[in-house]
Amino acid sequence: MPSGRHPHALGLSAPDRPTAWIVNGLEGLVVLFSTLLELGLRVPGDISLLTIGSDPMLSCFRPAISHYSTPHRSLALAMARMIRAHLQAPPSTPVLKLLQTEFVPGGSVGRAP
């Protein structure tokens, strides 16, 4: 949540509030989660939360935060291949690679209304 923004300004206390939030970053997730608790909103009963990443803290929330993550082994293998290719023949332009993510259910995503 941006600094200085009040939960009411984000529509969290409105009757037609969002049904889900996709949050990038642990800091924003902590702020949003605590704001939801202060407002008496339940995750996932009233609002669903989803993030991208593999921070171990995601499992410390109650409920644990559902997220999309690249498996560590796949990420390590892809990085090793890219480093090896770079050492054998450094590219003259930046190289873009697509890494697939997988959904890790944590309990923070409820049914759509």
PDB file of N, CA and C in Angstrom:
ATOM      1  N   MET A   1       0.860  -1.160   0.000  1.00  0.00           N
ATOM      2  CA  MET A   1       0.000   0.000   0.000  1.00  0.00           C
ATOM      3  C   MET A   1       0.908   1.225   0.000  1.00  0.00           C
ATOM      4  N   PRO A   2       0.653   2.174  -0.916  1.00  0.00           N
ATOM      5  CA  PRO A   2       1.516   3.347  -0.964  1.00  0.00           C
ATOM      6  C   PRO A   2       1.487   4.116   0.351  1.00  0.00           C
ATOM      7  N   SER A   3       2.624   4.726   0.670  1.00  0.00           N
ATOM      8  CA  SER A   3       2.736   5.497   1.897  1.00  0.00           C
ATOM      9  C   SER A   3       1.708   6.619   1.916  1.00  0.00           C
ATOM     10  N   GLY A   4       1.065   6.826   3.067  1.00  0.00           N
ATOM     11  CA  GLY A   4       0.113   7.905   3.204  1.00  0.00           C
ATOM     12  C   GLY A   4      -1.285   7.587   2.708  1.00  0.00           C
ATOM     13  N   ARG A   5      -1.502   6.393   2.154  1.00  0.00           N
ATOM     14  CA  ARG A   5      -2.829   6.035   1.652  1.00  0.00           C
ATOM     15  C   ARG A   5      -3.633   5.410   2.778  1.00  0.00           C
ATOM     16  N   HIS A   6      -4.835   5.846   2.939  1.00  0.00           N
ATOM     17  CA  HIS A   6      -5.721   5.324   3.971  1.00  0.00           C
ATOM     18  C   HIS A   6      -6.496   4.150   3.385  1.00  0.00           C
ATOM     19  N   PRO A   7      -6.782   3.086   4.175  1.00  0.00           N
ATOM     20  CA  PRO A   7      -7.512   1.930   3.649  1.00  0.00           C
ATOM     21  C   PRO A   7      -8.829   2.315   2.986  1.00  0.00           C
ATOM     22  N   HIS A   8      -9.502   3.352   3.504  1.00  0.00           N
ATOM     23  CA  HIS A   8     -10.775   3.751   2.914  1.00  0.00           C
ATOM     24  C   HIS A   8     -10.565   4.300   1.505  1.00  0.00           C
ATOM     25  N   ALA A   9      -9.411   4.945   1.278  1.00  0.00           N
ATOM     26  CA  ALA A   9      -9.114   5.485  -0.049  1.00  0.00           C
ATOM     27  C   ALA A   9      -8.894   4.372  -1.063  1.00  0.00           C
ATOM     28  N   LEU A  10      -8.536   3.182  -0.597  1.00  0.00           N
ATOM     29  CA  LEU A  10      -8.313   2.053  -1.487  1.00  0.00           C
ATOM     30  C   LEU A  10      -9.578   1.238  -1.708  1.00  0.00           C
ATOM     31  N   GLY A  11     -10.656   1.623  -1.085  1.00  0.00           N
ATOM     32  CA  GLY A  11     -11.921   0.921  -1.282  1.00  0.00           C
ATOM     33  C   GLY A  11     -12.072  -0.337  -0.453  1.00  0.00           C
ATOM     34  N   LEU A  12     -11.204  -0.568   0.518  1.00  0.00           N
ATOM     35  CA  LEU A  12     -11.276  -1.805   1.293  1.00  0.00           C
ATOM     36  C   LEU A  12     -12.474  -1.853   2.229  1.00  0.00           C
ATOM     37  N   SER A  13     -13.008  -0.698   2.607  1.00  0.00           N
ATOM     38  CA  SER A  13     -14.155  -0.705   3.509  1.00  0.00           C
ATOM     39  C   SER A  13     -15.462  -0.450   2.763  1.00  0.00           C
ATOM     40  N   ALA A  14     -15.407  -0.293   1.439  1.00  0.00           N
ATOM     41  CA  ALA A  14     -16.615  -0.056   0.647  1.00  0.00           C
ATOM     42  C   ALA A  14     -17.399  -1.349   0.473  1.00  0.00           C
ATOM     43  N   PRO A  15     -18.719  -1.261   0.354  1.00  0.00           N
ATOM     44  CA  PRO A  15     -19.521  -2.473   0.162  1.00  0.00           C
ATOM     45  C   PRO A  15     -19.142  -3.221  -1.116  1.00  0.00           C
ATOM     46  N   ASP A  16     -18.672  -2.501  -2.134  1.00  0.00           N
ATOM     47  CA  ASP A  16     -18.278  -3.140  -3.393  1.00  0.00           C
ATOM     48  C   ASP A  16     -16.755  -3.236  -3.509  1.00  0.00           C
ATOM     49  N   ARG A  17     -16.097  -3.511  -2.376  1.00  0.00           N
ATOM     50  CA  ARG A  17     -14.633  -3.584  -2.338  1.00  0.00           C
ATOM     51  C   ARG A  17     -14.124  -4.681  -3.272  1.00  0.00           C
ATOM     52  N   PRO A  18     -12.842  -4.640  -3.599  1.00  0.00           N
ATOM     53  CA  PRO A  18     -12.263  -5.695  -4.449  1.00  0.00           C
ATOM     54  C   PRO A  18     -12.436  -7.060  -3.797  1.00  0.00           C
ATOM     55  N   THR A  19     -12.542  -8.102  -4.609  1.00  0.00           N
ATOM     56  CA  THR A  19     -12.661  -9.460  -4.069  1.00  0.00           C
ATOM     57  C   THR A  19     -11.309 -10.148  -3.976  1.00  0.00           C
ATOM     58  N   ALA A  20     -10.290  -9.577  -4.614  1.00  0.00           N
ATOM     59  CA  ALA A  20      -8.961 -10.176  -4.568  1.00  0.00           C
ATOM     60  C   ALA A  20      -7.906  -9.098  -4.804  1.00  0.00           C
ATOM     61  N   TRP A  21      -6.725  -9.312  -4.230  1.00  0.00           N
ATOM     62  CA  TRP A  21      -5.580  -8.432  -4.435  1.00  0.00           C
ATOM     63  C   TRP A  21      -4.394  -9.285  -4.842  1.00  0.00           C
ATOM     64  N   ILE A  22      -3.701  -8.848  -5.880  1.00  0.00           N
ATOM     65  CA  ILE A  22      -2.431  -9.463  -6.256  1.00  0.00           C
ATOM     66  C   ILE A  22      -1.359  -8.504  -5.780  1.00  0.00           C
ATOM     67  N   VAL A  23      -0.505  -8.976  -4.893  1.00  0.00           N
ATOM     68  CA  VAL A  23       0.476  -8.123  -4.229  1.00  0.00           C
ATOM     69  C   VAL A  23       1.878  -8.546  -4.649  1.00  0.00           C
ATOM     70  N   ASN A  24       2.703  -7.558  -4.995  1.00  0.00           N
ATOM     71  CA  ASN A  24       4.091  -7.832  -5.344  1.00  0.00           C
ATOM     72  C   ASN A  24       4.981  -7.364  -4.200  1.00  0.00           C
ATOM     73  N   GLY A  25       5.673  -8.270  -3.574  1.00  0.00           N
ATOM     74  CA  GLY A  25       6.607  -7.914  -2.515  1.00  0.00           C
ATOM     75  C   GLY A  25       6.062  -8.199  -1.128  1.00  0.00           C
ATOM     76  N   LEU A  26       6.937  -8.676  -0.278  1.00  0.00           N
ATOM     77  CA  LEU A  26       6.548  -9.061   1.079  1.00  0.00           C
ATOM     78  C   LEU A  26       6.122  -7.857   1.913  1.00  0.00           C
ATOM     79  N   GLU A  27       6.799  -6.721   1.740  1.00  0.00           N
ATOM     80  CA  GLU A  27       6.464  -5.542   2.546  1.00  0.00           C
ATOM     81  C   GLU A  27       5.022  -5.102   2.306  1.00  0.00           C
ATOM     82  N   GLY A  28       4.624  -5.015   1.035  1.00  0.00           N
ATOM     83  CA  GLY A  28       3.255  -4.632   0.704  1.00  0.00           C
ATOM     84  C   GLY A  28       2.246  -5.651   1.199  1.00  0.00           C
ATOM     85  N   LEU A  29       2.614  -6.911   1.151  1.00  0.00           N
ATOM     86  CA  LEU A  29       1.734  -7.971   1.620  1.00  0.00           C
ATOM     87  C   LEU A  29       1.494  -7.862   3.126  1.00  0.00           C
ATOM     88  N   VAL A  30       2.547  -7.581   3.896  1.00  0.00           N
ATOM     89  CA  VAL A  30       2.417  -7.429   5.345  1.00  0.00           C
ATOM     90  C   VAL A  30       1.499  -6.258   5.676  1.00  0.00           C
ATOM     91  N   VAL A  31       1.693  -5.129   4.985  1.00  0.00           N
ATOM     92  CA  VAL A  31       0.862  -3.951   5.229  1.00  0.00           C
ATOM     93  C   VAL A  31      -0.589  -4.237   4.871  1.00  0.00           C
ATOM     94  N   LEU A  32      -0.826  -4.827   3.706  1.00  0.00           N
ATOM     95  CA  LEU A  32      -2.195  -5.113   3.287  1.00  0.00           C
ATOM     96  C   LEU A  32      -2.856  -6.113   4.230  1.00  0.00           C
ATOM     97  N   PHE A  33      -2.147  -7.167   4.591  1.00  0.00           N
ATOM     98  CA  PHE A  33      -2.694  -8.193   5.480  1.00  0.00           C
ATOM     99  C   PHE A  33      -3.083  -7.589   6.831  1.00  0.00           C
ATOM    100  N   SER A  34      -2.209  -6.756   7.389  1.00  0.00           N
ATOM    101  CA  SER A  34      -2.519  -6.150   8.690  1.00  0.00           C
ATOM    102  C   SER A  34      -3.674  -5.158   8.565  1.00  0.00           C
ATOM    103  N   THR A  35      -3.763  -4.452   7.439  1.00  0.00           N
ATOM    104  CA  THR A  35      -4.884  -3.539   7.221  1.00  0.00           C
ATOM    105  C   THR A  35      -6.194  -4.306   7.141  1.00  0.00           C
ATOM    106  N   LEU A  36      -6.180  -5.431   6.456  1.00  0.00           N
ATOM    107  CA  LEU A  36      -7.387  -6.250   6.365  1.00  0.00           C
ATOM    108  C   LEU A  36      -7.826  -6.717   7.751  1.00  0.00           C
ATOM    109  N   LEU A  37      -6.868  -7.114   8.570  1.00  0.00           N
ATOM    110  CA  LEU A  37      -7.196  -7.540   9.936  1.00  0.00           C
ATOM    111  C   LEU A  37      -7.802  -6.396  10.739  1.00  0.00           C
ATOM    112  N   GLU A  38      -7.213  -5.193  10.604  1.00  0.00           N
ATOM    113  CA  GLU A  38      -7.739  -4.027  11.321  1.00  0.00           C
ATOM    114  C   GLU A  38      -9.172  -3.711  10.912  1.00  0.00           C
ATOM    115  N   LEU A  39      -9.500  -3.957   9.646  1.00  0.00           N
ATOM    116  CA  LEU A  39     -10.843  -3.693   9.145  1.00  0.00           C
ATOM    117  C   LEU A  39     -11.812  -4.837   9.440  1.00  0.00           C
ATOM    118  N   GLY A  40     -11.301  -5.918  10.023  1.00  0.00           N
ATOM    119  CA  GLY A  40     -12.152  -7.062  10.337  1.00  0.00           C
ATOM    120  C   GLY A  40     -12.484  -7.923   9.127  1.00  0.00           C
ATOM    121  N   LEU A  41     -11.691  -7.817   8.061  1.00  0.00           N
ATOM    122  CA  LEU A  41     -11.912  -8.623   6.863  1.00  0.00           C
ATOM    123  C   LEU A  41     -11.136  -9.926   6.968  1.00  0.00           C
ATOM    124  N   ARG A  42     -11.764 -11.005   6.515  1.00  0.00           N
ATOM    125  CA  ARG A  42     -11.144 -12.330   6.598  1.00  0.00           C
ATOM    126  C   ARG A  42     -10.537 -12.736   5.264  1.00  0.00           C
ATOM    127  N   VAL A  43      -9.365 -13.361   5.340  1.00  0.00           N
ATOM    128  CA  VAL A  43      -8.696 -13.928   4.172  1.00  0.00           C
ATOM    129  C   VAL A  43      -8.843 -15.441   4.282  1.00  0.00           C
ATOM    130  N   PRO A  44      -9.437 -16.133   3.328  1.00  0.00           N
ATOM    131  CA  PRO A  44      -9.985 -15.672   2.068  1.00  0.00           C
ATOM    132  C   PRO A  44     -11.501 -15.450   2.092  1.00  0.00           C
ATOM    133  N   GLY A  45     -12.126 -15.493   3.243  1.00  0.00           N
ATOM    134  CA  GLY A  45     -13.583 -15.363   3.306  1.00  0.00           C
ATOM    135  C   GLY A  45     -14.114 -14.088   2.687  1.00  0.00           C
ATOM    136  N   ASP A  46     -13.478 -12.954   2.965  1.00  0.00           N
ATOM    137  CA  ASP A  46     -13.937 -11.673   2.434  1.00  0.00           C
ATOM    138  C   ASP A  46     -13.121 -11.199   1.237  1.00  0.00           C
ATOM    139  N   ILE A  47     -11.848 -11.523   1.235  1.00  0.00           N
ATOM    140  CA  ILE A  47     -10.962 -11.073   0.160  1.00  0.00           C
ATOM    141  C   ILE A  47      -9.827 -12.083  -0.009  1.00  0.00           C
ATOM    142  N   SER A  48      -9.462 -12.331  -1.258  1.00  0.00           N
ATOM    143  CA  SER A  48      -8.374 -13.268  -1.561  1.00  0.00           C
ATOM    144  C   SER A  48      -7.073 -12.508  -1.760  1.00  0.00           C
ATOM    145  N   LEU A  49      -5.964 -13.151  -1.415  1.00  0.00           N
ATOM    146  CA  LEU A  49      -4.632 -12.576  -1.621  1.00  0.00           C
ATOM    147  C   LEU A  49      -3.781 -13.555  -2.408  1.00  0.00           C
ATOM    148  N   LEU A  50      -2.990 -13.016  -3.327  1.00  0.00           N
ATOM    149  CA  LEU A  50      -2.114 -13.817  -4.167  1.00  0.00           C
ATOM    150  C   LEU A  50      -0.860 -13.010  -4.426  1.00  0.00           C
ATOM    151  N   THR A  51       0.295 -13.663  -4.476  1.00  0.00           N
ATOM    152  CA  THR A  51       1.546 -12.974  -4.766  1.00  0.00           C
ATOM    153  C   THR A  51       2.419 -13.841  -5.660  1.00  0.00           C
ATOM    154  N   ILE A  52       3.516 -13.258  -6.092  1.00  0.00           N
ATOM    155  CA  ILE A  52       4.493 -13.971  -6.909  1.00  0.00           C
ATOM    156  C   ILE A  52       5.812 -13.946  -6.158  1.00  0.00           C
ATOM    157  N   GLY A  53       6.447 -15.095  -6.030  1.00  0.00           N
ATOM    158  CA  GLY A  53       7.719 -15.176  -5.331  1.00  0.00           C
ATOM    159  C   GLY A  53       7.775 -16.439  -4.493  1.00  0.00           C
ATOM    160  N   SER A  54       8.875 -16.606  -3.813  1.00  0.00           N
ATOM    161  CA  SER A  54       9.040 -17.825  -3.022  1.00  0.00           C
ATOM    162  C   SER A  54       9.601 -17.526  -1.635  1.00  0.00           C
ATOM    163  N   ASP A  55       9.269 -16.372  -1.097  1.00  0.00           N
ATOM    164  CA  ASP A  55       9.757 -16.008   0.223  1.00  0.00           C
ATOM    165  C   ASP A  55       9.243 -16.999   1.258  1.00  0.00           C
ATOM    166  N   PRO A  56      10.111 -17.548   2.110  1.00  0.00           N
ATOM    167  CA  PRO A  56       9.675 -18.517   3.126  1.00  0.00           C
ATOM    168  C   PRO A  56       8.637 -17.942   4.084  1.00  0.00           C
ATOM    169  N   MET A  57       8.577 -16.617   4.209  1.00  0.00           N
ATOM    170  CA  MET A  57       7.607 -15.988   5.106  1.00  0.00           C
ATOM    171  C   MET A  57       6.165 -16.205   4.651  1.00  0.00           C
ATOM    172  N   LEU A  58       5.942 -16.540   3.388  1.00  0.00           N
ATOM    173  CA  LEU A  58       4.576 -16.716   2.888  1.00  0.00           C
ATOM    174  C   LEU A  58       3.832 -17.814   3.648  1.00  0.00           C
ATOM    175  N   SER A  59       4.562 -18.802   4.119  1.00  0.00           N
ATOM    176  CA  SER A  59       3.915 -19.889   4.863  1.00  0.00           C
ATOM    177  C   SER A  59       3.673 -19.521   6.324  1.00  0.00           C
ATOM    178  N   CYS A  60       4.209 -18.385   6.787  1.00  0.00           N
ATOM    179  CA  CYS A  60       4.024 -17.958   8.178  1.00  0.00           C
ATOM    180  C   CYS A  60       2.706 -17.222   8.397  1.00  0.00           C
ATOM    181  N   PHE A  61       2.089 -16.725   7.316  1.00  0.00           N
ATOM    182  CA  PHE A  61       0.789 -16.081   7.434  1.00  0.00           C
ATOM    183  C   PHE A  61      -0.265 -17.132   7.735  1.00  0.00           C
ATOM    184  N   ARG A  62      -1.354 -16.729   8.325  1.00  0.00           N
ATOM    185  CA  ARG A  62      -2.493 -17.623   8.568  1.00  0.00           C
ATOM    186  C   ARG A  62      -3.713 -17.006   7.972  1.00  0.00           C
ATOM    187  N   PRO A  63      -4.254 -17.528   6.884  1.00  0.00           N
ATOM    188  CA  PRO A  63      -3.745 -18.694   6.167  1.00  0.00           C
ATOM    189  C   PRO A  63      -2.459 -18.362   5.399  1.00  0.00           C
ATOM    190  N   ALA A  64      -1.716 -19.415   5.073  1.00  0.00           N
ATOM    191  CA  ALA A  64      -0.504 -19.225   4.272  1.00  0.00           C
ATOM    192  C   ALA A  64      -0.908 -18.584   2.942  1.00  0.00           C
ATOM    193  N   ILE A  65      -0.039 -17.749   2.390  1.00  0.00           N
ATOM    194  CA  ILE A  65      -0.354 -16.995   1.173  1.00  0.00           C
ATOM    195  C   ILE A  65      -0.130 -17.862  -0.067  1.00  0.00           C
ATOM    196  N   SER A  66      -1.167 -17.977  -0.883  1.00  0.00           N
ATOM    197  CA  SER A  66      -1.052 -18.657  -2.173  1.00  0.00           C
ATOM    198  C   SER A  66      -0.167 -17.811  -3.078  1.00  0.00           C
ATOM    199  N   HIS A  67       0.663 -18.466  -3.879  1.00  0.00           N
ATOM    200  CA  HIS A  67       1.581 -17.704  -4.726  1.00  0.00           C
ATOM    201  C   HIS A  67       2.016 -18.484  -5.954  1.00  0.00           C
ATOM    202  N   TYR A  68       2.567 -17.748  -6.899  1.00  0.00           N
ATOM    203  CA  TYR A  68       3.195 -18.346  -8.070  1.00  0.00           C
ATOM    204  C   TYR A  68       4.692 -18.242  -7.868  1.00  0.00           C
ATOM    205  N   SER A  69       5.392 -19.319  -8.162  1.00  0.00           N
ATOM    206  CA  SER A  69       6.821 -19.352  -7.907  1.00  0.00           C
ATOM    207  C   SER A  69       7.522 -20.226  -8.942  1.00  0.00           C
ATOM    208  N   THR A  70       8.762 -19.861  -9.265  1.00  0.00           N
ATOM    209  CA  THR A  70       9.599 -20.729 -10.086  1.00  0.00           C
ATOM    210  C   THR A  70      10.310 -21.686  -9.136  1.00  0.00           C
ATOM    211  N   PRO A  71      10.177 -22.998  -9.351  1.00  0.00           N
ATOM    212  CA  PRO A  71      10.854 -23.944  -8.465  1.00  0.00           C
ATOM    213  C   PRO A  71      12.359 -23.658  -8.410  1.00  0.00           C
ATOM    214  N   HIS A  72      12.935 -23.728  -7.220  1.00  0.00           N
ATOM    215  CA  HIS A  72      14.352 -23.390  -7.026  1.00  0.00           C
ATOM    216  C   HIS A  72      15.266 -24.208  -7.927  1.00  0.00           C
ATOM    217  N   ARG A  73      14.984 -25.488  -8.087  1.00  0.00           N
ATOM    218  CA  ARG A  73      15.841 -26.332  -8.927  1.00  0.00           C
ATOM    219  C   ARG A  73      15.788 -25.883 -10.381  1.00  0.00           C
ATOM    220  N   SER A  74      14.600 -25.572 -10.896  1.00  0.00           N
ATOM    221  CA  SER A  74      14.475 -25.097 -12.279  1.00  0.00           C
ATOM    222  C   SER A  74      15.209 -23.779 -12.464  1.00  0.00           C
ATOM    223  N   LEU A  75      15.086 -22.894 -11.485  1.00  0.00           N
ATOM    224  CA  LEU A  75      15.754 -21.603 -11.560  1.00  0.00           C
ATOM    225  C   LEU A  75      17.272 -21.777 -11.555  1.00  0.00           C
ATOM    226  N   ALA A  76      17.782 -22.635 -10.681  1.00  0.00           N
ATOM    227  CA  ALA A  76      19.225 -22.867 -10.593  1.00  0.00           C
ATOM    228  C   ALA A  76      19.763 -23.480 -11.893  1.00  0.00           C
ATOM    229  N   LEU A  77      19.027 -24.448 -12.464  1.00  0.00           N
ATOM    230  CA  LEU A  77      19.467 -25.067 -13.718  1.00  0.00           C
ATOM    231  C   LEU A  77      19.469 -24.061 -14.861  1.00  0.00           C
ATOM    232  N   ALA A  78      18.449 -23.226 -14.944  1.00  0.00           N
ATOM    233  CA  ALA A  78      18.384 -22.215 -15.998  1.00  0.00           C
ATOM    234  C   ALA A  78      19.531 -21.222 -15.863  1.00  0.00           C
ATOM    235  N   MET A  79      19.813 -20.791 -14.634  1.00  0.00           N
ATOM    236  CA  MET A  79      20.921 -19.854 -14.413  1.00  0.00           C
ATOM    237  C   MET A  79      22.250 -20.493 -14.793  1.00  0.00           C
ATOM    238  N   ALA A  80      22.452 -21.758 -14.431  1.00  0.00           N
ATOM    239  CA  ALA A  80      23.700 -22.447 -14.773  1.00  0.00           C
ATOM    240  C   ALA A  80      23.865 -22.539 -16.293  1.00  0.00           C
ATOM    241  N   ARG A  81      22.786 -22.861 -17.014  1.00  0.00           N
ATOM    242  CA  ARG A  81      22.851 -22.940 -18.475  1.00  0.00           C
ATOM    243  C   ARG A  81      23.179 -21.576 -19.086  1.00  0.00           C
ATOM    244  N   MET A  82      22.554 -20.514 -18.566  1.00  0.00           N
ATOM    245  CA  MET A  82      22.807 -19.178 -19.105  1.00  0.00           C
ATOM    246  C   MET A  82      24.248 -18.744 -18.840  1.00  0.00           C
ATOM    247  N   ILE A  83      24.778 -19.047 -17.667  1.00  0.00           N
ATOM    248  CA  ILE A  83      26.162 -18.684 -17.337  1.00  0.00           C
ATOM    249  C   ILE A  83      27.129 -19.459 -18.223  1.00  0.00           C
ATOM    250  N   ARG A  84      26.873 -20.760 -18.386  1.00  0.00           N
ATOM    251  CA  ARG A  84      27.746 -21.584 -19.240  1.00  0.00           C
ATOM    252  C   ARG A  84      27.732 -21.060 -20.677  1.00  0.00           C
ATOM    253  N   ALA A  85      26.546 -20.753 -21.197  1.00  0.00           N
ATOM    254  CA  ALA A  85      26.451 -20.227 -22.568  1.00  0.00           C
ATOM    255  C   ALA A  85      27.176 -18.891 -22.690  1.00  0.00           C
ATOM    256  N   HIS A  86      27.066 -18.058 -21.677  1.00  0.00           N
ATOM    257  CA  HIS A  86      27.737 -16.752 -21.702  1.00  0.00           C
ATOM    258  C   HIS A  86      29.261 -16.919 -21.683  1.00  0.00           C
ATOM    259  N   LEU A  87      29.758 -17.869 -20.905  1.00  0.00           N
ATOM    260  CA  LEU A  87      31.204 -18.089 -20.830  1.00  0.00           C
ATOM    261  C   LEU A  87      31.741 -18.653 -22.136  1.00  0.00           C
ATOM    262  N   GLN A  88      30.941 -19.471 -22.836  1.00  0.00           N
ATOM    263  CA  GLN A  88      31.392 -20.059 -24.100  1.00  0.00           C
ATOM    264  C   GLN A  88      31.352 -19.060 -25.244  1.00  0.00           C
ATOM    265  N   ALA A  89      30.328 -18.215 -25.273  1.00  0.00           N
ATOM    266  CA  ALA A  89      30.188 -17.227 -26.351  1.00  0.00           C
ATOM    267  C   ALA A  89      29.357 -16.073 -25.841  1.00  0.00           C
ATOM    268  N   PRO A  90      30.011 -15.057 -25.263  1.00  0.00           N
ATOM    269  CA  PRO A  90      29.250 -13.924 -24.723  1.00  0.00           C
ATOM    270  C   PRO A  90      28.379 -13.271 -25.803  1.00  0.00           C
ATOM    271  N   PRO A  91      27.098 -13.092 -25.516  1.00  0.00           N
ATOM    272  CA  PRO A  91      26.213 -12.461 -26.508  1.00  0.00           C
ATOM    273  C   PRO A  91      26.504 -10.961 -26.611  1.00  0.00           C
ATOM    274  N   SER A  92      26.239 -10.404 -27.786  1.00  0.00           N
ATOM    275  CA  SER A  92      26.476  -8.975 -27.974  1.00  0.00           C
ATOM    276  C   SER A  92      25.287  -8.147 -27.496  1.00  0.00           C
ATOM    277  N   THR A  93      24.153  -8.780 -27.299  1.00  0.00           N
ATOM    278  CA  THR A  93      22.955  -8.095 -26.805  1.00  0.00           C
ATOM    279  C   THR A  93      22.417  -8.848 -25.592  1.00  0.00           C
ATOM    280  N   PRO A  94      21.617  -8.175 -24.782  1.00  0.00           N
ATOM    281  CA  PRO A  94      21.036  -8.870 -23.619  1.00  0.00           C
ATOM    282  C   PRO A  94      20.195 -10.069 -24.058  1.00  0.00           C
ATOM    283  N   VAL A  95      20.189 -11.091 -23.217  1.00  0.00           N
ATOM    284  CA  VAL A  95      19.439 -12.309 -23.499  1.00  0.00           C
ATOM    285  C   VAL A  95      18.233 -12.363 -22.563  1.00  0.00           C
ATOM    286  N   LEU A  96      17.070 -12.560 -23.138  1.00  0.00           N
ATOM    287  CA  LEU A  96      15.851 -12.692 -22.339  1.00  0.00           C
ATOM    288  C   LEU A  96      15.438 -14.154 -22.314  1.00  0.00           C
ATOM    289  N   LYS A  97      15.108 -14.658 -21.136  1.00  0.00           N
ATOM    290  CA  LYS A  97      14.659 -16.042 -20.976  1.00  0.00           C
ATOM    291  C   LYS A  97      13.342 -16.043 -20.223  1.00  0.00           C
ATOM    292  N   LEU A  98      12.453 -16.921 -20.601  1.00  0.00           N
ATOM    293  CA  LEU A  98      11.168 -17.074 -19.931  1.00  0.00           C
ATOM    294  C   LEU A  98      11.262 -18.269 -18.988  1.00  0.00           C
ATOM    295  N   LEU A  99      11.002 -18.024 -17.706  1.00  0.00           N
ATOM    296  CA  LEU A  99      10.993 -19.107 -16.726  1.00  0.00           C
ATOM    297  C   LEU A  99       9.553 -19.356 -16.304  1.00  0.00           C
ATOM    298  N   GLN A 100       9.129 -20.587 -16.359  1.00  0.00           N
ATOM    299  CA  GLN A 100       7.767 -20.948 -16.004  1.00  0.00           C
ATOM    300  C   GLN A 100       7.584 -20.915 -14.486  1.00  0.00           C
ATOM    301  N   THR A 101       6.404 -20.526 -14.060  1.00  0.00           N
ATOM    302  CA  THR A 101       6.076 -20.545 -12.637  1.00  0.00           C
ATOM    303  C   THR A 101       5.008 -21.596 -12.390  1.00  0.00           C
ATOM    304  N   GLU A 102       4.887 -21.978 -11.138  1.00  0.00           N
ATOM    305  CA  GLU A 102       3.830 -22.923 -10.769  1.00  0.00           C
ATOM    306  C   GLU A 102       3.036 -22.328  -9.614  1.00  0.00           C
ATOM    307  N   PHE A 103       1.758 -22.692  -9.539  1.00  0.00           N
ATOM    308  CA  PHE A 103       0.894 -22.207  -8.490  1.00  0.00           C
ATOM    309  C   PHE A 103       1.134 -23.018  -7.218  1.00  0.00           C
ATOM    310  N   VAL A 104       1.350 -22.335  -6.109  1.00  0.00           N
ATOM    311  CA  VAL A 104       1.553 -22.988  -4.823  1.00  0.00           C
ATOM    312  C   VAL A 104       0.366 -22.581  -3.934  1.00  0.00           C
ATOM    313  N   PRO A 105      -0.596 -23.482  -3.752  1.00  0.00           N
ATOM    314  CA  PRO A 105      -1.772 -23.120  -2.943  1.00  0.00           C
ATOM    315  C   PRO A 105      -1.386 -22.910  -1.490  1.00  0.00           C
ATOM    316  N   GLY A 106      -1.928 -21.877  -0.910  1.00  0.00           N
ATOM    317  CA  GLY A 106      -1.608 -21.603   0.488  1.00  0.00           C
ATOM    318  C   GLY A 106      -2.840 -21.410   1.344  1.00  0.00           C
ATOM    319  N   GLY A 107      -3.987 -21.261   0.724  1.00  0.00           N
ATOM    320  CA  GLY A 107      -5.205 -21.066   1.498  1.00  0.00           C
ATOM    321  C   GLY A 107      -5.720 -19.648   1.507  1.00  0.00           C
ATOM    322  N   SER A 108      -5.051 -18.717   0.809  1.00  0.00           N
ATOM    323  CA  SER A 108      -5.478 -17.317   0.838  1.00  0.00           C
ATOM    324  C   SER A 108      -6.358 -16.939  -0.360  1.00  0.00           C
ATOM    325  N   VAL A 109      -6.690 -17.904  -1.203  1.00  0.00           N
ATOM    326  CA  VAL A 109      -7.544 -17.628  -2.357  1.00  0.00           C
ATOM    327  C   VAL A 109      -8.854 -18.374  -2.165  1.00  0.00           C
ATOM    328  N   GLY A 110      -9.932 -17.601  -2.101  1.00  0.00           N
ATOM    329  CA  GLY A 110     -11.263 -18.192  -1.922  1.00  0.00           C
ATOM    330  C   GLY A 110     -12.024 -18.289  -3.222  1.00  0.00           C
ATOM    331  N   ARG A 111     -13.253 -18.738  -3.128  1.00  0.00           N
ATOM    332  CA  ARG A 111     -14.116 -18.860  -4.305  1.00  0.00           C
ATOM    333  C   ARG A 111     -14.496 -17.472  -4.803  1.00  0.00           C
ATOM    334  N   ALA A 112     -14.640 -17.350  -6.110  1.00  0.00           N
ATOM    335  CA  ALA A 112     -15.082 -16.072  -6.683  1.00  0.00           C
ATOM    336  C   ALA A 112     -16.539 -15.849  -6.290  1.00  0.00           C
ATOM    337  N   PRO A 113     -16.912 -14.580  -6.079  1.00  0.00           N
ATOM    338  CA  PRO A 113     -18.301 -14.297  -5.693  1.00  0.00           C
ATOM    339  C   PRO A 113     -19.269 -14.586  -6.817  1.00  0.00           C
TER     340      PRO A 113
END
